[in-house]
Amino acid sequence: MRAMAAPSYGPLDRLAEIDAPLPSPGGGEVRVHVVASALNPADYKVVLGTLKFLHARNRPLIVGYDFSGTVEAVGPSVTGVSVGDDVFGFLPYGPGNRRGAFAESLIAKSDEIAVKPPGVSHENAAAAATTGLTAIQSIRDLGRLPAAGRVLVTGVSGGVGSISVGIAKRLGAEVTAVGSGAGLELARRLGATEVLDRTERPLPGDIRDRFDVVFDAAAAYRWRHWRTALKTRGTFVTTLPSLAFAVDKIHSLFTGTRVDFVNVKSRPADLRLLASWLEEGLEVPLASTIPVRDIAQGLARLHKAGGRIAVRVEGGF
């Protein structure tokens, strides 16, 4: 099979097409013919070698986590999916993830994928997988969002932040979005009740006791920045752990608020919920769609994309 891979850690321009062995599914696994994928910040960090723990240290290095495609082979003890089903999901981070989605085929666990709705494109399904579950598990689970709660989301022009607005709305929340530039209008279109321009006013400024959840999708703030904006028993959730996060988590124990970090898991129930929302019209803002042969250029401009970059794998070599 064809794949885009790097011979070792290093510059992005080392990514090139290779011929790789077609993998065979084991017990509880399926082989998926990949139609589409999407770029993640983890992709270039792994290729550059700055986040080696996110991927097995095998060579050549095939990354890519989000995928949507068609089941082409099933291993023993597989239930719930069959050859020919269109499915989507994301590969878990960690050393067990030996081959990624920037390839014509990949191996996934059958209990970590969901059937793609027929009316949803492969590009949208792939682009929603990691970001959508990150939002669900951050806001609903870690944030312990109450009924008719209030949520603030940062980084609304990014992949996680943008989809979080629509997901928080579907969880019954009133949403305030923080961003700048084109992200402000995007947040309004996605359903944010209030939009705060981070370039025009100090944040959080005079905001007091307003939010049940502050979801720092951009990993641009700390709990101490938003502490007074959280209600009692409110939660600050970040996407990036750090020493500062650990310090804030300790300090929060004395304030009646919480601090947490999302380590997203591929849960089929959450993927099915996401699939139903996508079918109902949940928007996945896409900045562009590129062929898989151009992923090096796409990764180089990912931080300026203003939305997700989908990747055409089928027909993209």
Foldseek 3Di string as FASTA:
>chain_A
DKFFFAQAAAALVRTFIDDDDQDDEEAQKFKFQFFKAFDDLVVNCCSNPVCVFFEARDPRGAATWWTWGFTQGDYHPYPDDDGGFIKIATDGTGHVQHHHRRGRMDMDRNQLIEGAPPVFDRQQLRLCHPLVLLLCCQCVPVLVADAQFEEEEEPCLEQNNVLNLLVCVVVRYAYEYEEADPSQVSSVVSPHPHYHYVVPDPPPPPAAQHGQEYEHAVQPDACVRCVRNHHQQHEYEYADDDPSLVVVQVVVVPPNYHYYYDNGDRGHVSSVVVSVVVVVPRDQDELEEAESRCVSVCSVCNVVRRGIYMYGNVVRD
